């Protein structure tokens, strides 16, 4: 069981955001509680029947400062294909996994080095 953060860097106002997800909802909520992310920001498919914002998969969008806290608390760093790989593995989609591996082999998925020296090196 694990919690993951990717290296996506999407602007949201003055913040730079990434994704945080986990093997189980309980682990995801435990990490969110630990790093101070309010559960009201939980994103999930509408059909799941749990409170949160509509999305195609269960995750939080978190600021880089929260990402650093998550990594310090044991979250596993991934590249931008991490969420796609996670869902493909869950669904057993071998074709999607092969496509992701081919993109990574070509050097896609890497993120620029963070300007903040407190951030760790990304995959």
C-alpha atoms as a PDB file:
ATOM      1  CA  UNK A   1       0.000   0.000   0.000  1.00  0.00           C
ATOM      2  CA  UNK A   2       1.298   3.440  -0.922  1.00  0.00           C
ATOM      3  CA  UNK A   3       0.590   7.105  -1.610  1.00  0.00           C
ATOM      4  CA  UNK A   4       1.933   8.699  -4.800  1.00  0.00           C
ATOM      5  CA  UNK A   5       2.632  12.215  -6.091  1.00  0.00           C
ATOM      6  CA  UNK A   6       3.427  13.069  -9.698  1.00  0.00           C
ATOM      7  CA  UNK A   7       5.642  15.761 -11.160  1.00  0.00           C
ATOM      8  CA  UNK A   8       2.865  17.614 -12.956  1.00  0.00           C
ATOM      9  CA  UNK A   9       3.199  21.378 -12.524  1.00  0.00           C
ATOM     10  CA  UNK A  10      -0.150  23.019 -13.309  1.00  0.00           C
ATOM     11  CA  UNK A  11      -0.827  26.617 -12.375  1.00  0.00           C
ATOM     12  CA  UNK A  12      -3.848  27.358 -10.195  1.00  0.00           C
ATOM     13  CA  UNK A  13      -3.853  31.029  -9.342  1.00  0.00           C
ATOM     14  CA  UNK A  14      -0.522  31.696  -7.622  1.00  0.00           C
ATOM     15  CA  UNK A  15      -0.019  28.023  -6.764  1.00  0.00           C
ATOM     16  CA  UNK A  16       1.630  25.244  -8.737  1.00  0.00           C
ATOM     17  CA  UNK A  17      -0.256  21.978  -8.358  1.00  0.00           C
ATOM     18  CA  UNK A  18       0.340  18.259  -8.813  1.00  0.00           C
ATOM     19  CA  UNK A  19      -1.681  15.070  -8.168  1.00  0.00           C
ATOM     20  CA  UNK A  20      -1.698  12.894  -5.053  1.00  0.00           C
ATOM     21  CA  UNK A  21      -3.367   9.470  -5.085  1.00  0.00           C
ATOM     22  CA  UNK A  22      -3.050   6.171  -3.224  1.00  0.00           C
ATOM     23  CA  UNK A  23      -3.661   2.455  -3.387  1.00  0.00           C
ATOM     24  CA  UNK A  24      -6.693   2.915  -1.104  1.00  0.00           C
ATOM     25  CA  UNK A  25      -8.980   5.804  -0.230  1.00  0.00           C
ATOM     26  CA  UNK A  26      -8.148   5.312   3.444  1.00  0.00           C
ATOM     27  CA  UNK A  27      -4.419   5.821   2.741  1.00  0.00           C
ATOM     28  CA  UNK A  28      -5.167   8.852   0.590  1.00  0.00           C
ATOM     29  CA  UNK A  29      -7.283  10.463   3.312  1.00  0.00           C
ATOM     30  CA  UNK A  30      -4.718   9.620   5.996  1.00  0.00           C
ATOM     31  CA  UNK A  31      -1.983  11.367   4.005  1.00  0.00           C
ATOM     32  CA  UNK A  32      -4.253  14.339   3.248  1.00  0.00           C
ATOM     33  CA  UNK A  33      -4.991  14.673   6.967  1.00  0.00           C
ATOM     34  CA  UNK A  34      -1.296  14.328   7.828  1.00  0.00           C
ATOM     35  CA  UNK A  35      -0.133  17.080   5.438  1.00  0.00           C
ATOM     36  CA  UNK A  36      -3.080  19.404   6.054  1.00  0.00           C
ATOM     37  CA  UNK A  37      -5.113  19.019   2.858  1.00  0.00           C
ATOM     38  CA  UNK A  38      -8.821  19.434   3.521  1.00  0.00           C
ATOM     39  CA  UNK A  39     -11.011  16.531   2.425  1.00  0.00           C
ATOM     40  CA  UNK A  40     -13.348  18.928   0.647  1.00  0.00           C
ATOM     41  CA  UNK A  41     -10.720  19.009  -2.155  1.00  0.00           C
ATOM     42  CA  UNK A  42     -11.074  15.253  -2.763  1.00  0.00           C
ATOM     43  CA  UNK A  43     -11.773  14.463  -6.417  1.00  0.00           C
ATOM     44  CA  UNK A  44     -13.525  11.272  -7.513  1.00  0.00           C
ATOM     45  CA  UNK A  45     -15.854   9.814 -10.157  1.00  0.00           C
ATOM     46  CA  UNK A  46     -19.417  10.986  -9.489  1.00  0.00           C
ATOM     47  CA  UNK A  47     -20.756   7.433  -9.539  1.00  0.00           C
ATOM     48  CA  UNK A  48     -18.672   6.503  -6.479  1.00  0.00           C
ATOM     49  CA  UNK A  49     -21.303   8.123  -4.255  1.00  0.00           C
ATOM     50  CA  UNK A  50     -18.874   9.867  -1.895  1.00  0.00           C
ATOM     51  CA  UNK A  51     -18.546  13.606  -1.292  1.00  0.00           C
ATOM     52  CA  UNK A  52     -16.046  15.439  -3.449  1.00  0.00           C
ATOM     53  CA  UNK A  53     -15.491  17.084  -6.815  1.00  0.00           C
ATOM     54  CA  UNK A  54     -16.100  15.206 -10.058  1.00  0.00           C
ATOM     55  CA  UNK A  55     -13.033  13.673 -11.705  1.00  0.00           C
ATOM     56  CA  UNK A  56     -12.202  10.519 -13.638  1.00  0.00           C
ATOM     57  CA  UNK A  57     -10.207   8.960 -10.746  1.00  0.00           C
ATOM     58  CA  UNK A  58      -9.746   9.369  -6.985  1.00  0.00           C
ATOM     59  CA  UNK A  59      -7.075  11.928  -6.076  1.00  0.00           C
ATOM     60  CA  UNK A  60      -6.262  15.341  -4.673  1.00  0.00           C
ATOM     61  CA  UNK A  61      -4.677  18.228  -6.548  1.00  0.00           C
ATOM     62  CA  UNK A  62      -2.092  19.565  -4.098  1.00  0.00           C
ATOM     63  CA  UNK A  63       0.282  22.542  -4.015  1.00  0.00           C
ATOM     64  CA  UNK A  64       4.025  21.962  -4.286  1.00  0.00           C
ATOM     65  CA  UNK A  65       4.426  22.828  -0.594  1.00  0.00           C
ATOM     66  CA  UNK A  66       2.030  19.991   0.303  1.00  0.00           C
ATOM     67  CA  UNK A  67       3.820  17.727  -2.184  1.00  0.00           C
ATOM     68  CA  UNK A  68       7.070  18.272  -0.288  1.00  0.00           C
ATOM     69  CA  UNK A  69       5.306  17.357   2.966  1.00  0.00           C
ATOM     70  CA  UNK A  70       3.822  14.224   1.370  1.00  0.00           C
ATOM     71  CA  UNK A  71       7.236  13.099   0.076  1.00  0.00           C
ATOM     72  CA  UNK A  72       8.761  13.720   3.503  1.00  0.00           C
ATOM     73  CA  UNK A  73       5.950  11.574   4.957  1.00  0.00           C
ATOM     74  CA  UNK A  74       6.724   8.704   2.578  1.00  0.00           C
ATOM     75  CA  UNK A  75       4.803   9.397  -0.636  1.00  0.00           C
ATOM     76  CA  UNK A  76       6.344   7.866  -3.749  1.00  0.00           C
ATOM     77  CA  UNK A  77       7.360  10.312  -6.485  1.00  0.00           C
ATOM     78  CA  UNK A  78       6.344   9.522 -10.059  1.00  0.00           C
ATOM     79  CA  UNK A  79       6.441  11.254 -13.407  1.00  0.00           C
ATOM     80  CA  UNK A  80       3.435  12.692 -15.204  1.00  0.00           C
ATOM     81  CA  UNK A  81       2.493   9.219 -16.433  1.00  0.00           C
ATOM     82  CA  UNK A  82       2.163   7.882 -12.876  1.00  0.00           C
ATOM     83  CA  UNK A  83      -1.622   8.357 -12.653  1.00  0.00           C
ATOM     84  CA  UNK A  84      -2.161   6.764 -16.074  1.00  0.00           C
ATOM     85  CA  UNK A  85       0.097   3.855 -15.166  1.00  0.00           C
ATOM     86  CA  UNK A  86      -1.694   3.387 -11.832  1.00  0.00           C
ATOM     87  CA  UNK A  87      -5.103   3.174 -13.504  1.00  0.00           C
ATOM     88  CA  UNK A  88      -3.792   0.945 -16.325  1.00  0.00           C
ATOM     89  CA  UNK A  89      -2.335  -1.502 -13.779  1.00  0.00           C
ATOM     90  CA  UNK A  90      -5.573  -1.478 -11.792  1.00  0.00           C
ATOM     91  CA  UNK A  91      -7.536  -2.279 -14.969  1.00  0.00           C
ATOM     92  CA  UNK A  92      -4.965  -4.729 -16.357  1.00  0.00           C
ATOM     93  CA  UNK A  93      -4.547  -2.640 -19.532  1.00  0.00           C
ATOM     94  CA  UNK A  94      -1.298  -4.057 -20.927  1.00  0.00           C
ATOM     95  CA  UNK A  95      -1.530  -1.976 -24.121  1.00  0.00           C
ATOM     96  CA  UNK A  96      -1.658   1.268 -22.129  1.00  0.00           C
ATOM     97  CA  UNK A  97       1.261   0.116 -19.954  1.00  0.00           C
ATOM     98  CA  UNK A  98       3.331  -0.622 -23.079  1.00  0.00           C
ATOM     99  CA  UNK A  99       2.461   2.805 -24.499  1.00  0.00           C
ATOM    100  CA  UNK A 100       3.572   4.509 -21.266  1.00  0.00           C
ATOM    101  CA  UNK A 101       6.823   2.509 -21.211  1.00  0.00           C
ATOM    102  CA  UNK A 102       7.547   3.536 -24.823  1.00  0.00           C
ATOM    103  CA  UNK A 103       6.965   7.223 -24.018  1.00  0.00           C
ATOM    104  CA  UNK A 104       9.229   7.036 -20.975  1.00  0.00           C
ATOM    105  CA  UNK A 105      11.928   5.317 -23.044  1.00  0.00           C
ATOM    106  CA  UNK A 106      11.863   8.328 -25.382  1.00  0.00           C
ATOM    107  CA  UNK A 107      12.402  10.671 -22.427  1.00  0.00           C
ATOM    108  CA  UNK A 108       8.848  11.939 -22.081  1.00  0.00           C
ATOM    109  CA  UNK A 109       7.367  12.460 -18.621  1.00  0.00           C
ATOM    110  CA  UNK A 110      10.349  14.232 -17.093  1.00  0.00           C
ATOM    111  CA  UNK A 111       9.704  17.440 -15.215  1.00  0.00           C
ATOM    112  CA  UNK A 112      11.967  20.471 -15.061  1.00  0.00           C
ATOM    113  CA  UNK A 113      14.103  20.702 -11.945  1.00  0.00           C
ATOM    114  CA  UNK A 114      12.201  22.615  -9.253  1.00  0.00           C
ATOM    115  CA  UNK A 115      13.502  26.064  -8.382  1.00  0.00           C
ATOM    116  CA  UNK A 116      12.888  25.388  -4.682  1.00  0.00           C
ATOM    117  CA  UNK A 117      15.971  23.692  -3.197  1.00  0.00           C
ATOM    118  CA  UNK A 118      13.728  21.985  -0.636  1.00  0.00           C
ATOM    119  CA  UNK A 119      12.086  19.929  -3.387  1.00  0.00           C
ATOM    120  CA  UNK A 120      13.630  16.533  -4.034  1.00  0.00           C
ATOM    121  CA  UNK A 121      14.756  15.255  -7.404  1.00  0.00           C
ATOM    122  CA  UNK A 122      11.858  13.898  -9.463  1.00  0.00           C
ATOM    123  CA  UNK A 123      11.798  10.706 -11.471  1.00  0.00           C
END
